[in-house]
């Protein structure tokens, strides 16, 4: 896989575990190998009784667009990657986002983050939005993209009996984060509460 190294993250909320696999791409260093990364994703899926065959995708060889983050949805056996295109303008950030479903079907969208409403947007839009927060230096990968991935996993777990939440389902992310904050407070995890409060500040505009 091109586009740098893959940074594995597993985040847990309160006393309930929601493993999330994702990576942040870098140009100059390589960390977890593809085989090791895939193994850890599979182990995380096995730990929650989920079997995942989703594939992480890196930079686009045909267009030379740079993958800045990618993730796997273990529940849906799907994956998502956010790209900076060759004509990317930091002053008017528009990202290419590609999603792959469990059958390998690809959906590609161009997302203008200035038009994303965190109170009513889907996961592809939220990944573009949080990727821009990271790229513009407003927060780390863990503070932005990974928090969005964990929020989706939490909601997936809550809606398990109603079916999984796809990348194209619009949700109110502000309400989801507020619910997570309430859970953290109830568990007595004030550090976690403050971390999610920081993320809420990025969304509640």
N, C-alpha and C. Protein backbone atom coordinates (compact mmCIF):
# COMPACT_ATOMS: atom_id res chain seq x y z
N UNK A 1 0.86 -1.20 0.00
CA UNK A 1 0.00 0.00 0.00
C UNK A 1 0.88 1.23 0.00
N UNK A 2 0.55 2.18 -0.90
CA UNK A 2 1.31 3.41 -0.97
C UNK A 2 0.78 4.43 0.02
N UNK A 3 1.48 5.53 0.17
CA UNK A 3 0.96 6.64 0.95
C UNK A 3 1.44 6.70 2.36
N UNK A 4 2.52 5.96 2.72
CA UNK A 4 3.08 6.11 4.05
C UNK A 4 2.67 5.01 4.99
N UNK A 5 2.81 5.30 6.30
CA UNK A 5 2.58 4.23 7.27
C UNK A 5 1.16 4.20 7.76
N UNK A 6 0.81 3.09 8.37
CA UNK A 6 -0.52 2.91 8.91
C UNK A 6 -0.45 2.94 10.42
N UNK A 7 -1.20 3.80 11.04
CA UNK A 7 -1.16 3.99 12.49
C UNK A 7 -2.40 3.37 13.10
N UNK A 8 -2.23 2.29 13.84
CA UNK A 8 -3.36 1.56 14.39
C UNK A 8 -3.81 2.16 15.70
N UNK A 9 -5.12 2.30 15.85
CA UNK A 9 -5.69 2.85 17.07
C UNK A 9 -6.88 2.03 17.52
N UNK A 10 -6.94 1.71 18.79
CA UNK A 10 -8.12 1.10 19.36
C UNK A 10 -8.55 1.95 20.54
N UNK A 11 -9.75 2.50 20.47
CA UNK A 11 -10.26 3.40 21.50
C UNK A 11 -11.39 2.71 22.24
N UNK A 12 -11.51 2.95 23.56
CA UNK A 12 -12.58 2.34 24.34
C UNK A 12 -13.30 3.42 25.13
N UNK A 13 -14.62 3.30 25.19
CA UNK A 13 -15.44 4.29 25.87
C UNK A 13 -15.95 3.71 27.17
N UNK A 14 -15.63 4.35 28.30
CA UNK A 14 -16.13 3.90 29.59
C UNK A 14 -15.84 2.43 29.84
N UNK A 15 -16.83 1.68 30.28
CA UNK A 15 -16.63 0.26 30.56
C UNK A 15 -17.02 -0.61 29.38
N UNK A 16 -17.48 0.02 28.27
CA UNK A 16 -17.85 -0.75 27.08
C UNK A 16 -16.76 -0.58 26.03
N UNK A 17 -16.31 -1.68 25.44
CA UNK A 17 -15.23 -1.60 24.45
C UNK A 17 -15.78 -1.51 23.04
N UNK A 18 -15.26 -0.55 22.27
CA UNK A 18 -15.63 -0.41 20.88
C UNK A 18 -14.35 -0.31 20.06
N UNK A 19 -13.76 -1.45 19.65
CA UNK A 19 -12.51 -1.38 18.90
C UNK A 19 -12.70 -0.71 17.55
N UNK A 20 -11.83 0.22 17.25
CA UNK A 20 -11.88 0.94 16.00
C UNK A 20 -10.51 0.86 15.35
N UNK A 21 -10.47 0.48 14.11
CA UNK A 21 -9.19 0.41 13.40
C UNK A 21 -9.10 1.56 12.42
N UNK A 22 -7.99 2.28 12.47
CA UNK A 22 -7.81 3.37 11.54
C UNK A 22 -6.35 3.72 11.43
N UNK A 23 -6.00 4.43 10.38
CA UNK A 23 -4.61 4.87 10.30
C UNK A 23 -4.51 6.25 9.71
N UNK A 24 -3.44 6.90 10.11
CA UNK A 24 -3.11 8.22 9.61
C UNK A 24 -1.90 8.05 8.72
N UNK A 25 -1.92 8.63 7.53
CA UNK A 25 -0.81 8.43 6.60
C UNK A 25 0.27 9.50 6.78
N UNK A 26 1.50 9.08 6.62
CA UNK A 26 2.66 9.97 6.65
C UNK A 26 3.54 9.67 5.45
N UNK A 27 4.23 10.67 4.95
CA UNK A 27 5.07 10.47 3.77
C UNK A 27 6.44 9.91 4.09
N UNK A 28 6.98 10.23 5.25
CA UNK A 28 8.40 9.99 5.46
C UNK A 28 8.74 8.80 6.34
N UNK A 29 7.73 8.19 7.00
CA UNK A 29 8.07 7.06 7.84
C UNK A 29 7.07 5.94 7.67
N UNK A 30 7.47 4.72 8.03
CA UNK A 30 6.61 3.56 7.96
C UNK A 30 6.62 2.89 9.32
N UNK A 31 5.44 2.56 9.81
CA UNK A 31 5.33 1.99 11.14
C UNK A 31 4.82 0.56 11.04
N UNK A 32 3.52 0.32 11.24
CA UNK A 32 2.98 -1.02 11.24
C UNK A 32 2.90 -1.54 9.81
N UNK A 33 3.43 -2.74 9.57
CA UNK A 33 3.40 -3.31 8.24
C UNK A 33 1.97 -3.70 7.88
N UNK A 34 1.70 -3.85 6.57
CA UNK A 34 0.36 -4.22 6.12
C UNK A 34 -0.11 -5.51 6.73
N UNK A 35 0.76 -6.52 6.78
CA UNK A 35 0.35 -7.82 7.33
C UNK A 35 0.03 -7.71 8.81
N UNK A 36 0.88 -7.02 9.56
CA UNK A 36 0.67 -6.88 11.00
C UNK A 36 -0.58 -6.08 11.28
N UNK A 37 -0.81 -5.04 10.48
CA UNK A 37 -1.99 -4.21 10.66
C UNK A 37 -3.25 -5.03 10.44
N UNK A 38 -3.28 -5.79 9.34
CA UNK A 38 -4.44 -6.61 9.02
C UNK A 38 -4.70 -7.64 10.12
N UNK A 39 -3.61 -8.19 10.67
CA UNK A 39 -3.73 -9.18 11.74
C UNK A 39 -4.39 -8.56 12.98
N UNK A 40 -3.96 -7.34 13.34
CA UNK A 40 -4.51 -6.68 14.52
C UNK A 40 -5.97 -6.30 14.31
N UNK A 41 -6.34 -5.89 13.08
CA UNK A 41 -7.73 -5.60 12.78
C UNK A 41 -8.58 -6.85 12.94
N UNK A 42 -8.07 -7.97 12.42
CA UNK A 42 -8.80 -9.24 12.51
C UNK A 42 -8.96 -9.67 13.96
N UNK A 43 -7.90 -9.49 14.77
CA UNK A 43 -7.98 -9.86 16.19
C UNK A 43 -9.01 -9.00 16.92
N UNK A 44 -9.07 -7.71 16.56
CA UNK A 44 -10.05 -6.82 17.18
C UNK A 44 -11.47 -7.25 16.82
N UNK A 45 -11.66 -7.62 15.57
CA UNK A 45 -12.98 -8.08 15.13
C UNK A 45 -13.37 -9.36 15.85
N UNK A 46 -12.40 -10.28 15.99
CA UNK A 46 -12.67 -11.55 16.66
C UNK A 46 -13.05 -11.32 18.12
N UNK A 47 -12.42 -10.34 18.74
CA UNK A 47 -12.66 -10.06 20.16
C UNK A 47 -14.10 -9.61 20.41
N UNK A 48 -14.73 -9.02 19.39
CA UNK A 48 -16.10 -8.55 19.54
C UNK A 48 -17.11 -9.45 18.82
N UNK A 49 -16.62 -10.61 18.37
CA UNK A 49 -17.51 -11.55 17.69
C UNK A 49 -17.83 -11.14 16.27
N UNK A 50 -17.08 -10.19 15.72
CA UNK A 50 -17.31 -9.73 14.36
C UNK A 50 -16.21 -10.25 13.46
N UNK A 51 -16.57 -10.72 12.27
CA UNK A 51 -15.59 -11.15 11.28
C UNK A 51 -15.48 -10.06 10.23
N UNK A 52 -14.28 -9.54 10.02
CA UNK A 52 -14.11 -8.44 9.08
C UNK A 52 -13.20 -8.84 7.93
N UNK A 53 -13.67 -8.55 6.71
CA UNK A 53 -12.85 -8.79 5.52
C UNK A 53 -12.57 -7.47 4.81
N UNK A 54 -12.87 -6.35 5.46
CA UNK A 54 -12.66 -5.05 4.84
C UNK A 54 -11.18 -4.80 4.62
N UNK A 55 -10.88 -4.07 3.55
CA UNK A 55 -9.49 -3.79 3.18
C UNK A 55 -9.23 -2.30 3.34
N UNK A 56 -8.10 -1.97 3.95
CA UNK A 56 -7.70 -0.57 4.05
C UNK A 56 -7.06 -0.12 2.73
N UNK A 57 -7.39 1.06 2.30
CA UNK A 57 -6.89 1.56 1.01
C UNK A 57 -6.01 2.78 1.23
N UNK A 58 -4.89 2.82 0.51
CA UNK A 58 -3.97 3.94 0.62
C UNK A 58 -4.11 4.91 -0.53
N UNK A 59 -3.02 5.57 -0.87
CA UNK A 59 -3.06 6.60 -1.90
C UNK A 59 -3.46 6.02 -3.26
N UNK A 60 -4.09 6.85 -4.06
CA UNK A 60 -4.63 6.42 -5.34
C UNK A 60 -3.52 6.45 -6.39
N UNK A 61 -3.11 5.27 -6.85
CA UNK A 61 -2.00 5.19 -7.80
C UNK A 61 -2.34 5.81 -9.15
N UNK A 62 -3.60 5.74 -9.56
CA UNK A 62 -3.98 6.26 -10.87
C UNK A 62 -3.94 7.78 -10.91
N UNK A 63 -4.42 8.41 -9.84
CA UNK A 63 -4.50 9.88 -9.83
C UNK A 63 -3.36 10.52 -9.04
N UNK A 64 -2.65 9.72 -8.25
CA UNK A 64 -1.60 10.19 -7.34
C UNK A 64 -2.18 11.07 -6.24
N UNK A 65 -3.48 10.96 -5.99
CA UNK A 65 -4.08 11.65 -4.85
C UNK A 65 -3.57 11.00 -3.56
N UNK A 66 -3.33 11.82 -2.54
CA UNK A 66 -2.71 11.36 -1.31
C UNK A 66 -3.75 11.00 -0.26
N UNK A 67 -3.67 9.78 0.26
CA UNK A 67 -4.57 9.37 1.33
C UNK A 67 -4.09 9.97 2.64
N UNK A 68 -4.95 10.73 3.31
CA UNK A 68 -4.54 11.35 4.57
C UNK A 68 -5.08 10.61 5.77
N UNK A 69 -6.10 9.78 5.58
CA UNK A 69 -6.56 8.91 6.65
C UNK A 69 -7.45 7.83 6.05
N UNK A 70 -7.54 6.73 6.76
CA UNK A 70 -8.36 5.63 6.30
C UNK A 70 -8.86 4.85 7.50
N UNK A 71 -9.96 4.15 7.32
CA UNK A 71 -10.51 3.38 8.43
C UNK A 71 -11.32 2.20 7.96
N UNK A 72 -11.53 1.26 8.87
CA UNK A 72 -12.33 0.08 8.60
C UNK A 72 -13.52 0.06 9.54
N UNK A 73 -14.70 -0.21 8.99
CA UNK A 73 -15.89 -0.41 9.80
C UNK A 73 -16.05 -1.92 9.97
N UNK A 74 -15.69 -2.42 11.15
CA UNK A 74 -15.69 -3.86 11.40
C UNK A 74 -17.09 -4.44 11.32
N UNK A 75 -18.08 -3.70 11.78
CA UNK A 75 -19.46 -4.21 11.78
C UNK A 75 -19.97 -4.41 10.36
N UNK A 76 -19.70 -3.44 9.48
CA UNK A 76 -20.23 -3.47 8.12
C UNK A 76 -19.29 -4.12 7.10
N UNK A 77 -18.07 -4.51 7.52
CA UNK A 77 -17.08 -5.02 6.57
C UNK A 77 -16.86 -4.02 5.43
N UNK A 78 -16.77 -2.76 5.78
CA UNK A 78 -16.57 -1.71 4.79
C UNK A 78 -15.40 -0.84 5.20
N UNK A 79 -14.95 0.00 4.29
CA UNK A 79 -13.81 0.86 4.59
C UNK A 79 -13.98 2.22 3.92
N UNK A 80 -13.19 3.17 4.38
CA UNK A 80 -13.29 4.55 3.91
C UNK A 80 -11.91 5.18 3.89
N UNK A 81 -11.65 6.00 2.88
CA UNK A 81 -10.37 6.72 2.77
C UNK A 81 -10.63 8.14 2.32
N UNK A 82 -9.94 9.08 2.96
CA UNK A 82 -10.03 10.49 2.60
C UNK A 82 -8.74 10.89 1.89
N UNK A 83 -8.89 11.57 0.74
CA UNK A 83 -7.74 11.93 -0.09
C UNK A 83 -7.62 13.45 -0.27
N UNK A 84 -6.37 13.89 -0.36
CA UNK A 84 -6.08 15.22 -0.86
C UNK A 84 -5.78 15.07 -2.35
N UNK A 85 -6.52 15.79 -3.17
CA UNK A 85 -6.29 15.72 -4.61
C UNK A 85 -5.09 16.58 -5.01
N UNK A 86 -4.65 16.43 -6.24
CA UNK A 86 -3.49 17.16 -6.71
C UNK A 86 -3.72 18.67 -6.76
N UNK A 87 -4.98 19.08 -6.92
CA UNK A 87 -5.28 20.51 -6.98
C UNK A 87 -5.88 21.02 -5.67
N UNK A 88 -5.60 20.33 -4.55
CA UNK A 88 -6.17 20.72 -3.26
C UNK A 88 -5.77 22.14 -2.88
N UNK A 89 -6.77 22.91 -2.41
CA UNK A 89 -6.55 24.30 -1.99
C UNK A 89 -6.87 24.43 -0.50
N UNK A 90 -5.84 24.64 0.36
CA UNK A 90 -6.09 24.76 1.80
C UNK A 90 -7.06 25.87 2.15
N UNK A 91 -7.13 26.89 1.31
CA UNK A 91 -8.04 28.00 1.57
C UNK A 91 -9.49 27.66 1.25
N UNK A 92 -9.69 26.62 0.47
CA UNK A 92 -11.03 26.16 0.10
C UNK A 92 -11.01 24.63 0.08
N UNK A 93 -10.90 24.02 1.27
CA UNK A 93 -10.66 22.57 1.34
C UNK A 93 -11.80 21.70 0.84
N UNK A 94 -11.52 20.97 -0.22
CA UNK A 94 -12.45 19.98 -0.77
C UNK A 94 -11.68 18.66 -0.85
N UNK A 95 -12.23 17.62 -0.23
CA UNK A 95 -11.55 16.33 -0.17
C UNK A 95 -12.29 15.28 -1.00
N UNK A 96 -11.52 14.38 -1.57
CA UNK A 96 -12.11 13.22 -2.22
C UNK A 96 -12.26 12.12 -1.17
N UNK A 97 -13.45 11.56 -1.07
CA UNK A 97 -13.69 10.49 -0.11
C UNK A 97 -14.22 9.27 -0.87
N UNK A 98 -13.55 8.13 -0.67
CA UNK A 98 -14.00 6.89 -1.31
C UNK A 98 -14.39 5.89 -0.22
N UNK A 99 -15.50 5.21 -0.44
CA UNK A 99 -15.95 4.17 0.47
C UNK A 99 -16.11 2.86 -0.30
N UNK A 100 -15.80 1.77 0.38
CA UNK A 100 -15.94 0.43 -0.18
C UNK A 100 -16.90 -0.36 0.70
N UNK A 101 -17.94 -0.95 0.10
CA UNK A 101 -18.86 -1.75 0.90
C UNK A 101 -18.36 -3.18 1.00
N UNK A 102 -19.13 -4.05 1.67
CA UNK A 102 -18.68 -5.42 1.92
C UNK A 102 -18.49 -6.22 0.64
N UNK A 103 -19.11 -5.78 -0.47
CA UNK A 103 -18.97 -6.48 -1.74
C UNK A 103 -17.89 -5.86 -2.63
N UNK A 104 -17.20 -4.84 -2.09
CA UNK A 104 -16.14 -4.20 -2.84
C UNK A 104 -16.60 -3.08 -3.76
N UNK A 105 -17.89 -2.75 -3.72
CA UNK A 105 -18.39 -1.64 -4.54
C UNK A 105 -17.87 -0.31 -4.02
N UNK A 106 -17.44 0.55 -4.93
CA UNK A 106 -16.80 1.81 -4.55
C UNK A 106 -17.72 2.99 -4.81
N UNK A 107 -17.79 3.89 -3.84
CA UNK A 107 -18.49 5.17 -4.01
C UNK A 107 -17.48 6.29 -3.82
N UNK A 108 -17.44 7.21 -4.74
CA UNK A 108 -16.49 8.33 -4.66
C UNK A 108 -17.25 9.65 -4.65
N UNK A 109 -16.84 10.53 -3.72
CA UNK A 109 -17.48 11.84 -3.60
C UNK A 109 -16.44 12.92 -3.38
N UNK A 110 -16.75 14.12 -3.84
CA UNK A 110 -15.95 15.30 -3.53
C UNK A 110 -16.73 16.09 -2.47
N UNK A 111 -16.09 16.33 -1.31
CA UNK A 111 -16.79 16.95 -0.19
C UNK A 111 -16.14 18.28 0.19
N UNK A 112 -16.92 19.33 0.10
CA UNK A 112 -16.51 20.68 0.51
C UNK A 112 -16.81 20.80 2.00
N UNK A 113 -15.78 20.86 2.83
CA UNK A 113 -16.00 20.83 4.28
C UNK A 113 -16.73 22.07 4.79
N UNK A 114 -16.70 23.16 4.04
CA UNK A 114 -17.41 24.37 4.47
C UNK A 114 -18.92 24.17 4.43
N UNK A 115 -19.37 23.16 3.72
CA UNK A 115 -20.79 22.89 3.60
C UNK A 115 -21.26 21.73 4.49
N UNK A 116 -20.35 21.18 5.28
CA UNK A 116 -20.71 20.06 6.15
C UNK A 116 -21.34 20.58 7.43
N UNK A 117 -22.51 20.05 7.76
CA UNK A 117 -23.20 20.39 9.01
C UNK A 117 -23.10 19.20 9.96
N UNK A 118 -22.29 19.29 11.02
CA UNK A 118 -22.12 18.16 11.94
C UNK A 118 -23.43 17.70 12.60
N UNK A 119 -24.45 18.54 12.55
CA UNK A 119 -25.74 18.15 13.14
C UNK A 119 -26.60 17.37 12.15
N UNK A 120 -26.14 17.28 10.91
CA UNK A 120 -26.90 16.54 9.90
C UNK A 120 -25.99 16.19 8.73
N UNK A 121 -25.16 15.18 8.92
CA UNK A 121 -24.27 14.75 7.84
C UNK A 121 -23.97 13.27 7.99
N UNK A 122 -23.42 12.68 6.93
CA UNK A 122 -23.11 11.26 6.98
C UNK A 122 -21.64 11.06 7.36
N UNK A 123 -21.22 9.80 7.43
CA UNK A 123 -19.87 9.48 7.89
C UNK A 123 -18.80 9.96 6.92
N UNK A 124 -19.06 9.87 5.61
CA UNK A 124 -18.09 10.35 4.64
C UNK A 124 -17.82 11.84 4.83
N UNK A 125 -18.90 12.60 5.03
CA UNK A 125 -18.75 14.04 5.27
C UNK A 125 -18.03 14.30 6.59
N UNK A 126 -18.34 13.51 7.63
CA UNK A 126 -17.70 13.72 8.92
C UNK A 126 -16.21 13.38 8.86
N UNK A 127 -15.84 12.35 8.12
CA UNK A 127 -14.42 12.01 7.98
C UNK A 127 -13.67 13.12 7.25
N UNK A 128 -14.30 13.70 6.21
CA UNK A 128 -13.67 14.82 5.50
C UNK A 128 -13.54 16.02 6.44
N UNK A 129 -14.58 16.28 7.20
CA UNK A 129 -14.59 17.41 8.14
C UNK A 129 -13.50 17.27 9.20
N UNK A 130 -13.43 16.08 9.81
CA UNK A 130 -12.44 15.88 10.88
C UNK A 130 -11.03 15.76 10.31
N UNK A 131 -10.90 15.22 9.10
CA UNK A 131 -9.59 15.17 8.46
C UNK A 131 -9.05 16.58 8.23
N UNK A 132 -9.95 17.49 7.88
CA UNK A 132 -9.53 18.87 7.67
C UNK A 132 -9.11 19.52 8.98
N UNK A 133 -9.80 19.18 10.08
CA UNK A 133 -9.39 19.69 11.39
C UNK A 133 -7.95 19.25 11.68
N UNK A 134 -7.68 17.99 11.38
CA UNK A 134 -6.33 17.45 11.62
C UNK A 134 -5.30 18.12 10.69
N UNK A 135 -5.62 18.18 9.41
CA UNK A 135 -4.68 18.73 8.43
C UNK A 135 -4.39 20.20 8.67
N UNK A 136 -5.38 20.93 9.19
CA UNK A 136 -5.19 22.36 9.44
C UNK A 136 -4.55 22.64 10.79
N UNK A 137 -4.23 21.57 11.54
CA UNK A 137 -3.52 21.71 12.81
C UNK A 137 -4.40 22.04 14.00
N UNK A 138 -5.71 21.91 13.85
CA UNK A 138 -6.60 22.23 14.97
C UNK A 138 -6.69 21.11 16.00
N UNK A 139 -6.32 19.92 15.60
CA UNK A 139 -6.36 18.79 16.52
C UNK A 139 -5.56 17.62 15.98
N UNK A 140 -5.19 16.70 16.84
CA UNK A 140 -4.46 15.52 16.41
C UNK A 140 -5.40 14.51 15.76
N UNK A 141 -4.84 13.47 15.19
CA UNK A 141 -5.64 12.39 14.61
C UNK A 141 -6.57 11.81 15.66
N UNK A 142 -6.03 11.59 16.87
CA UNK A 142 -6.83 11.02 17.96
C UNK A 142 -7.95 11.95 18.39
N UNK A 143 -7.72 13.26 18.30
CA UNK A 143 -8.71 14.25 18.73
C UNK A 143 -9.80 14.49 17.69
N UNK A 144 -9.57 14.06 16.46
CA UNK A 144 -10.49 14.43 15.38
C UNK A 144 -11.06 13.20 14.67
N UNK A 145 -10.31 12.65 13.72
CA UNK A 145 -10.80 11.54 12.91
C UNK A 145 -11.13 10.32 13.77
N UNK A 146 -10.26 9.98 14.68
CA UNK A 146 -10.49 8.79 15.51
C UNK A 146 -11.73 8.96 16.39
N UNK A 147 -11.95 10.17 16.90
CA UNK A 147 -13.15 10.42 17.70
C UNK A 147 -14.40 10.20 16.86
N UNK A 148 -14.37 10.62 15.59
CA UNK A 148 -15.52 10.40 14.72
C UNK A 148 -15.75 8.90 14.51
N UNK A 149 -14.67 8.15 14.34
CA UNK A 149 -14.78 6.70 14.14
C UNK A 149 -15.36 6.02 15.38
N UNK A 150 -14.92 6.45 16.55
CA UNK A 150 -15.43 5.86 17.80
C UNK A 150 -16.90 6.21 17.98
N UNK A 151 -17.27 7.46 17.66
CA UNK A 151 -18.67 7.87 17.77
C UNK A 151 -19.56 7.01 16.89
N UNK A 152 -19.08 6.69 15.69
CA UNK A 152 -19.84 5.83 14.79
C UNK A 152 -19.97 4.42 15.37
N UNK A 153 -18.90 3.91 15.96
CA UNK A 153 -18.93 2.57 16.54
C UNK A 153 -19.90 2.50 17.71
N UNK A 154 -19.92 3.55 18.53
CA UNK A 154 -20.84 3.60 19.67
C UNK A 154 -22.28 3.56 19.16
N UNK A 155 -22.56 4.37 18.14
CA UNK A 155 -23.92 4.40 17.59
C UNK A 155 -24.28 3.07 16.94
N UNK A 156 -23.31 2.46 16.26
CA UNK A 156 -23.54 1.14 15.68
C UNK A 156 -23.96 0.14 16.75
N UNK A 157 -23.26 0.19 17.88
CA UNK A 157 -23.55 -0.75 18.97
C UNK A 157 -24.96 -0.52 19.52
N UNK A 158 -25.35 0.75 19.64
CA UNK A 158 -26.68 1.07 20.15
C UNK A 158 -27.78 0.63 19.19
N UNK A 159 -27.48 0.68 17.89
CA UNK A 159 -28.50 0.37 16.89
C UNK A 159 -28.39 -1.06 16.36
N UNK A 160 -27.62 -1.90 17.03
CA UNK A 160 -27.34 -3.23 16.51
C UNK A 160 -28.62 -4.00 16.16
N UNK A 161 -29.65 -3.87 16.99
CA UNK A 161 -30.88 -4.61 16.74
C UNK A 161 -31.68 -4.02 15.57
N UNK A 162 -31.32 -2.81 15.14
CA UNK A 162 -32.03 -2.17 14.03
C UNK A 162 -31.25 -2.23 12.73
N UNK A 163 -30.10 -2.90 12.76
CA UNK A 163 -29.24 -2.93 11.58
C UNK A 163 -28.11 -1.94 11.71
N UNK A 164 -27.05 -2.16 10.98
CA UNK A 164 -25.85 -1.32 11.11
C UNK A 164 -26.03 0.03 10.41
N UNK A 165 -25.20 0.95 10.80
CA UNK A 165 -25.26 2.32 10.31
C UNK A 165 -24.21 2.48 9.21
N UNK A 166 -24.65 2.71 8.00
CA UNK A 166 -23.74 2.78 6.87
C UNK A 166 -23.05 4.14 6.79
N UNK A 167 -22.07 4.24 5.90
CA UNK A 167 -21.34 5.49 5.71
C UNK A 167 -22.24 6.59 5.15
N UNK A 168 -23.36 6.22 4.53
CA UNK A 168 -24.22 7.21 3.88
C UNK A 168 -25.42 7.63 4.73
N UNK A 169 -25.49 7.16 5.97
CA UNK A 169 -26.60 7.51 6.85
C UNK A 169 -26.35 8.85 7.53
N UNK A 170 -27.24 9.80 7.36
CA UNK A 170 -27.09 11.10 8.02
C UNK A 170 -27.46 10.99 9.49
N UNK A 171 -26.64 11.61 10.34
CA UNK A 171 -26.88 11.59 11.77
C UNK A 171 -26.55 12.94 12.37
N UNK A 172 -27.04 13.17 13.58
CA UNK A 172 -26.68 14.36 14.34
C UNK A 172 -25.49 13.99 15.22
N UNK A 173 -24.28 14.32 14.76
CA UNK A 173 -23.07 13.94 15.47
C UNK A 173 -22.92 14.67 16.79
N UNK A 174 -23.47 15.88 16.87
CA UNK A 174 -23.41 16.64 18.12
C UNK A 174 -24.16 15.90 19.22
N UNK A 175 -25.35 15.40 18.90
CA UNK A 175 -26.13 14.66 19.88
C UNK A 175 -25.43 13.36 20.29
N UNK A 176 -24.81 12.70 19.32
CA UNK A 176 -24.09 11.45 19.63
C UNK A 176 -22.97 11.71 20.61
N UNK A 177 -22.20 12.77 20.36
CA UNK A 177 -21.07 13.10 21.23
C UNK A 177 -21.57 13.49 22.62
N UNK A 178 -22.67 14.23 22.68
CA UNK A 178 -23.23 14.61 23.99
C UNK A 178 -23.65 13.37 24.78
N UNK A 179 -24.21 12.37 24.10
CA UNK A 179 -24.59 11.12 24.76
C UNK A 179 -23.35 10.39 25.30
N UNK A 180 -22.28 10.39 24.50
CA UNK A 180 -21.03 9.75 24.93
C UNK A 180 -20.46 10.47 26.14
N UNK A 181 -20.51 11.79 26.11
CA UNK A 181 -20.02 12.58 27.25
C UNK A 181 -20.79 12.25 28.52
N UNK A 182 -22.11 12.09 28.39
CA UNK A 182 -22.92 11.76 29.54
C UNK A 182 -22.54 10.39 30.09
N UNK A 183 -22.25 9.45 29.19
CA UNK A 183 -21.82 8.12 29.62
C UNK A 183 -20.49 8.19 30.34
N UNK A 184 -19.55 8.97 29.80
CA UNK A 184 -18.24 9.12 30.43
C UNK A 184 -18.40 9.71 31.84
N UNK A 185 -19.27 10.71 31.94
CA UNK A 185 -19.50 11.34 33.25
C UNK A 185 -20.11 10.34 34.23
N UNK A 186 -21.03 9.54 33.73
CA UNK A 186 -21.68 8.53 34.59
C UNK A 186 -20.68 7.47 35.06
N UNK A 187 -19.73 7.14 34.19
CA UNK A 187 -18.69 6.15 34.56
C UNK A 187 -17.64 6.76 35.48
N UNK A 188 -17.67 8.08 35.65
CA UNK A 188 -16.67 8.74 36.48
C UNK A 188 -15.37 9.00 35.76
N UNK A 189 -15.38 8.90 34.43
CA UNK A 189 -14.17 9.12 33.64
C UNK A 189 -14.13 10.58 33.21
N UNK A 190 -13.62 11.45 34.09
CA UNK A 190 -13.60 12.88 33.80
C UNK A 190 -12.60 13.23 32.70
N UNK A 191 -11.51 12.46 32.61
CA UNK A 191 -10.53 12.70 31.55
C UNK A 191 -11.18 12.43 30.20
N UNK A 192 -11.88 11.29 30.10
CA UNK A 192 -12.57 10.98 28.86
C UNK A 192 -13.64 12.01 28.54
N UNK A 193 -14.33 12.46 29.56
CA UNK A 193 -15.37 13.48 29.40
C UNK A 193 -14.77 14.74 28.78
N UNK A 194 -13.63 15.18 29.29
CA UNK A 194 -13.00 16.40 28.79
C UNK A 194 -12.50 16.23 27.36
N UNK A 195 -12.01 15.03 27.04
CA UNK A 195 -11.55 14.77 25.68
C UNK A 195 -12.70 14.87 24.69
N UNK A 196 -13.86 14.33 25.07
CA UNK A 196 -15.02 14.41 24.19
C UNK A 196 -15.59 15.82 24.15
N UNK A 197 -15.45 16.55 25.24
CA UNK A 197 -15.90 17.94 25.25
C UNK A 197 -15.09 18.77 24.25
N UNK A 198 -13.81 18.46 24.15
CA UNK A 198 -12.96 19.14 23.17
C UNK A 198 -13.45 18.84 21.75
N UNK A 199 -13.78 17.57 21.51
CA UNK A 199 -14.27 17.19 20.19
C UNK A 199 -15.61 17.88 19.90
N UNK A 200 -16.45 17.96 20.92
CA UNK A 200 -17.74 18.65 20.76
C UNK A 200 -17.54 20.10 20.32
N UNK A 201 -16.49 20.72 20.86
CA UNK A 201 -16.20 22.10 20.49
C UNK A 201 -15.90 22.26 19.01
N UNK A 202 -15.35 21.21 18.39
CA UNK A 202 -15.08 21.25 16.96
C UNK A 202 -16.37 21.14 16.14
N UNK A 203 -17.38 20.50 16.71
CA UNK A 203 -18.60 20.20 15.97
C UNK A 203 -19.74 21.17 16.21
N UNK A 204 -19.87 21.65 17.44
CA UNK A 204 -21.03 22.46 17.84
C UNK A 204 -20.80 23.90 17.44
N UNK A 205 -21.02 24.19 16.17
CA UNK A 205 -20.73 25.53 15.64
C UNK A 205 -22.00 26.25 15.23
